[in-house]
Amino acid sequence: MNNEKNDKEAWWQPAIIMFAKFSSWIFFPIIIGVPLGRWLDKVYGTAPLLFIIAMGISFLISIFGLVMEVNKEYQKIEKENKNNSNIKK
């Protein structure tokens, strides 16, 4: 069944999907954090304190999301390797 899936799936498709997942964990927290930090600084007159805090929180969210995605991919690879080694025996 894995061979059928691999035949139907382009060789580059998993890499593009992984790139999109990783990129989104970097892109979206920052896209949300920048305007939020600037808006909070404008509302409370604390420039650049709340902007820096928002960027720090965005960074932490990005790192946490990337670590989660890397762990998922690692577990998927380990599972595939285990299945392949069981098939070869």
N, C-alpha and C. Protein backbone atom coordinates (compact mmCIF):
# COMPACT_ATOMS: atom_id res chain seq x y z
N MET A 1 0.82 -1.19 0.00
CA MET A 1 0.00 0.00 0.00
C MET A 1 0.87 1.26 0.00
N ASN A 2 1.99 1.25 0.72
CA ASN A 2 2.88 2.40 0.73
C ASN A 2 3.45 2.65 -0.66
N ASN A 3 3.74 1.56 -1.39
CA ASN A 3 4.28 1.73 -2.73
C ASN A 3 3.27 2.38 -3.65
N GLU A 4 1.98 2.05 -3.51
CA GLU A 4 0.94 2.68 -4.31
C GLU A 4 0.86 4.17 -4.01
N LYS A 5 0.95 4.51 -2.73
CA LYS A 5 0.91 5.92 -2.33
C LYS A 5 2.11 6.66 -2.89
N ASN A 6 3.29 6.05 -2.82
CA ASN A 6 4.50 6.70 -3.32
C ASN A 6 4.46 6.86 -4.83
N ASP A 7 3.84 5.92 -5.54
CA ASP A 7 3.75 6.03 -6.99
C ASP A 7 2.83 7.17 -7.40
N LYS A 8 1.75 7.39 -6.67
CA LYS A 8 0.80 8.44 -7.00
C LYS A 8 1.28 9.82 -6.58
N GLU A 9 2.11 9.90 -5.58
CA GLU A 9 2.57 11.16 -5.01
C GLU A 9 3.87 11.60 -5.69
N ALA A 10 3.94 12.86 -6.08
CA ALA A 10 5.16 13.38 -6.68
C ALA A 10 6.28 13.39 -5.64
N TRP A 11 7.51 13.23 -6.09
CA TRP A 11 8.64 13.13 -5.16
C TRP A 11 8.85 14.41 -4.37
N TRP A 12 8.44 15.54 -4.93
CA TRP A 12 8.68 16.83 -4.29
C TRP A 12 7.54 17.28 -3.40
N GLN A 13 6.40 16.62 -3.49
CA GLN A 13 5.21 17.06 -2.76
C GLN A 13 5.39 17.07 -1.24
N PRO A 14 5.94 16.03 -0.61
CA PRO A 14 6.13 16.09 0.86
C PRO A 14 7.04 17.24 1.30
N ALA A 15 8.04 17.55 0.50
CA ALA A 15 8.95 18.64 0.85
C ALA A 15 8.23 19.99 0.80
N ILE A 16 7.38 20.18 -0.19
CA ILE A 16 6.62 21.43 -0.31
C ILE A 16 5.65 21.58 0.85
N ILE A 17 5.00 20.48 1.22
CA ILE A 17 4.06 20.52 2.35
C ILE A 17 4.79 20.85 3.64
N MET A 18 5.94 20.23 3.86
CA MET A 18 6.73 20.49 5.06
C MET A 18 7.22 21.95 5.08
N PHE A 19 7.66 22.45 3.94
CA PHE A 19 8.11 23.85 3.83
C PHE A 19 6.96 24.80 4.17
N ALA A 20 5.77 24.51 3.67
CA ALA A 20 4.61 25.37 3.93
C ALA A 20 4.26 25.37 5.42
N LYS A 21 4.31 24.21 6.05
CA LYS A 21 4.00 24.13 7.48
C LYS A 21 5.02 24.92 8.29
N PHE A 22 6.29 24.72 8.00
CA PHE A 22 7.33 25.41 8.76
C PHE A 22 7.28 26.92 8.52
N SER A 23 7.08 27.31 7.28
CA SER A 23 7.03 28.74 6.95
C SER A 23 5.84 29.42 7.61
N SER A 24 4.71 28.73 7.68
CA SER A 24 3.54 29.34 8.29
C SER A 24 3.75 29.58 9.78
N TRP A 25 4.51 28.70 10.44
CA TRP A 25 4.80 28.90 11.86
C TRP A 25 5.73 30.09 12.09
N ILE A 26 6.46 30.49 11.09
CA ILE A 26 7.31 31.68 11.21
C ILE A 26 6.53 32.92 10.78
N PHE A 27 5.80 32.83 9.67
CA PHE A 27 5.16 33.98 9.04
C PHE A 27 3.97 34.52 9.84
N PHE A 28 3.02 33.67 10.18
CA PHE A 28 1.77 34.16 10.77
C PHE A 28 1.91 34.77 12.16
N PRO A 29 2.69 34.21 13.08
CA PRO A 29 2.84 34.91 14.37
C PRO A 29 3.44 36.31 14.23
N ILE A 30 4.36 36.47 13.29
CA ILE A 30 4.97 37.78 13.11
C ILE A 30 3.98 38.75 12.44
N ILE A 31 3.23 38.25 11.46
CA ILE A 31 2.24 39.09 10.79
C ILE A 31 1.18 39.57 11.78
N ILE A 32 0.86 38.76 12.74
CA ILE A 32 -0.11 39.16 13.78
C ILE A 32 0.57 40.04 14.83
N GLY A 33 1.80 39.70 15.21
CA GLY A 33 2.49 40.41 16.29
C GLY A 33 2.90 41.83 15.97
N VAL A 34 3.33 42.09 14.73
CA VAL A 34 3.79 43.44 14.36
C VAL A 34 2.67 44.47 14.48
N PRO A 35 1.53 44.27 13.80
CA PRO A 35 0.48 45.29 13.94
C PRO A 35 -0.09 45.36 15.35
N LEU A 36 -0.18 44.21 16.01
CA LEU A 36 -0.70 44.20 17.37
C LEU A 36 0.20 45.01 18.31
N GLY A 37 1.51 44.79 18.21
CA GLY A 37 2.45 45.53 19.05
C GLY A 37 2.43 47.02 18.78
N ARG A 38 2.38 47.39 17.50
CA ARG A 38 2.32 48.82 17.16
C ARG A 38 1.02 49.46 17.65
N TRP A 39 -0.08 48.73 17.47
CA TRP A 39 -1.37 49.25 17.92
C TRP A 39 -1.39 49.43 19.44
N LEU A 40 -0.89 48.44 20.17
CA LEU A 40 -0.86 48.55 21.63
C LEU A 40 0.02 49.70 22.09
N ASP A 41 1.16 49.89 21.42
CA ASP A 41 2.03 51.03 21.75
C ASP A 41 1.33 52.36 21.49
N LYS A 42 0.58 52.43 20.40
CA LYS A 42 -0.13 53.67 20.08
C LYS A 42 -1.24 53.93 21.09
N VAL A 43 -1.96 52.88 21.48
CA VAL A 43 -3.08 53.05 22.42
C VAL A 43 -2.57 53.45 23.80
N TYR A 44 -1.53 52.78 24.28
CA TYR A 44 -1.06 53.00 25.65
C TYR A 44 0.14 53.95 25.73
N GLY A 45 0.68 54.38 24.60
CA GLY A 45 1.81 55.32 24.61
C GLY A 45 3.06 54.74 25.24
N THR A 46 3.33 53.49 24.97
CA THR A 46 4.48 52.82 25.60
C THR A 46 5.57 52.45 24.60
N ALA A 47 5.60 53.11 23.45
CA ALA A 47 6.54 52.75 22.38
C ALA A 47 7.96 52.66 22.91
N PRO A 48 8.71 51.69 22.57
CA PRO A 48 8.48 50.47 21.82
C PRO A 48 8.27 49.24 22.71
N LEU A 49 7.93 49.45 23.96
CA LEU A 49 7.88 48.35 24.94
C LEU A 49 6.91 47.24 24.53
N LEU A 50 5.66 47.57 24.27
CA LEU A 50 4.68 46.54 23.94
C LEU A 50 4.95 45.91 22.58
N PHE A 51 5.54 46.68 21.67
CA PHE A 51 5.94 46.12 20.38
C PHE A 51 7.01 45.04 20.58
N ILE A 52 7.98 45.33 21.41
CA ILE A 52 9.06 44.35 21.68
C ILE A 52 8.49 43.13 22.38
N ILE A 53 7.58 43.33 23.31
CA ILE A 53 6.96 42.20 24.01
C ILE A 53 6.15 41.35 23.02
N ALA A 54 5.39 42.00 22.13
CA ALA A 54 4.61 41.27 21.12
C ALA A 54 5.53 40.48 20.20
N MET A 55 6.66 41.05 19.83
CA MET A 55 7.62 40.33 18.98
C MET A 55 8.23 39.15 19.72
N GLY A 56 8.51 39.32 21.01
CA GLY A 56 9.03 38.21 21.81
C GLY A 56 8.03 37.07 21.91
N ILE A 57 6.77 37.42 22.13
CA ILE A 57 5.73 36.39 22.21
C ILE A 57 5.56 35.70 20.85
N SER A 58 5.62 36.48 19.77
CA SER A 58 5.53 35.90 18.42
C SER A 58 6.68 34.94 18.17
N PHE A 59 7.87 35.32 18.61
CA PHE A 59 9.04 34.46 18.47
C PHE A 59 8.84 33.15 19.24
N LEU A 60 8.36 33.25 20.47
CA LEU A 60 8.15 32.04 21.27
C LEU A 60 7.08 31.13 20.65
N ILE A 61 6.02 31.72 20.12
CA ILE A 61 4.99 30.93 19.45
C ILE A 61 5.58 30.24 18.22
N SER A 62 6.40 30.95 17.47
CA SER A 62 7.04 30.36 16.29
C SER A 62 7.93 29.19 16.66
N ILE A 63 8.75 29.38 17.67
CA ILE A 63 9.66 28.30 18.09
C ILE A 63 8.86 27.10 18.58
N PHE A 64 7.84 27.33 19.40
CA PHE A 64 7.01 26.23 19.90
C PHE A 64 6.35 25.48 18.74
N GLY A 65 5.79 26.20 17.78
CA GLY A 65 5.14 25.56 16.64
C GLY A 65 6.12 24.79 15.78
N LEU A 66 7.30 25.35 15.56
CA LEU A 66 8.32 24.64 14.78
C LEU A 66 8.76 23.36 15.47
N VAL A 67 8.96 23.42 16.76
CA VAL A 67 9.37 22.22 17.50
C VAL A 67 8.28 21.15 17.42
N MET A 68 7.01 21.56 17.53
CA MET A 68 5.91 20.59 17.40
C MET A 68 5.90 19.95 16.02
N GLU A 69 6.06 20.74 14.97
CA GLU A 69 6.05 20.21 13.61
C GLU A 69 7.24 19.29 13.36
N VAL A 70 8.40 19.66 13.86
CA VAL A 70 9.59 18.80 13.69
C VAL A 70 9.37 17.47 14.40
N ASN A 71 8.80 17.50 15.61
CA ASN A 71 8.52 16.25 16.33
C ASN A 71 7.52 15.38 15.57
N LYS A 72 6.48 15.98 14.99
CA LYS A 72 5.51 15.22 14.19
C LYS A 72 6.18 14.55 13.00
N GLU A 73 7.02 15.31 12.29
CA GLU A 73 7.71 14.77 11.13
C GLU A 73 8.68 13.66 11.53
N TYR A 74 9.37 13.87 12.64
CA TYR A 74 10.31 12.85 13.12
C TYR A 74 9.58 11.56 13.47
N GLN A 75 8.44 11.68 14.17
CA GLN A 75 7.66 10.49 14.52
C GLN A 75 7.13 9.80 13.28
N LYS A 76 6.73 10.57 12.27
CA LYS A 76 6.24 9.98 11.03
C LYS A 76 7.36 9.21 10.32
N ILE A 77 8.55 9.77 10.29
CA ILE A 77 9.69 9.11 9.66
C ILE A 77 10.06 7.84 10.43
N GLU A 78 10.06 7.93 11.75
CA GLU A 78 10.37 6.75 12.56
C GLU A 78 9.35 5.64 12.32
N LYS A 79 8.07 6.00 12.23
CA LYS A 79 7.02 5.01 11.98
C LYS A 79 7.21 4.35 10.61
N GLU A 80 7.52 5.16 9.59
CA GLU A 80 7.75 4.62 8.26
C GLU A 80 8.97 3.70 8.24
N ASN A 81 10.03 4.09 8.93
CA ASN A 81 11.22 3.24 8.99
C ASN A 81 10.92 1.93 9.70
N LYS A 82 10.14 1.98 10.76
CA LYS A 82 9.78 0.77 11.49
C LYS A 82 8.93 -0.15 10.60
N ASN A 83 7.98 0.44 9.88
CA ASN A 83 7.15 -0.36 8.97
C ASN A 83 7.98 -0.96 7.84
N ASN A 84 8.91 -0.21 7.31
CA ASN A 84 9.77 -0.72 6.24
C ASN A 84 10.68 -1.82 6.73
N SER A 85 11.18 -1.71 7.95
CA SER A 85 12.06 -2.77 8.47
C SER A 85 11.27 -4.03 8.77
N ASN A 86 10.00 -3.89 9.18
CA ASN A 86 9.15 -5.06 9.41
C ASN A 86 8.79 -5.76 8.11
N ILE A 87 8.62 -4.99 7.05
CA ILE A 87 8.28 -5.57 5.74
C ILE A 87 9.46 -6.34 5.18
N LYS A 88 10.69 -5.85 5.37
CA LYS A 88 11.88 -6.50 4.84
C LYS A 88 12.17 -7.82 5.51
N LYS A 89 11.72 -8.00 6.74
CA LYS A 89 12.02 -9.24 7.48
C LYS A 89 11.17 -10.34 7.03
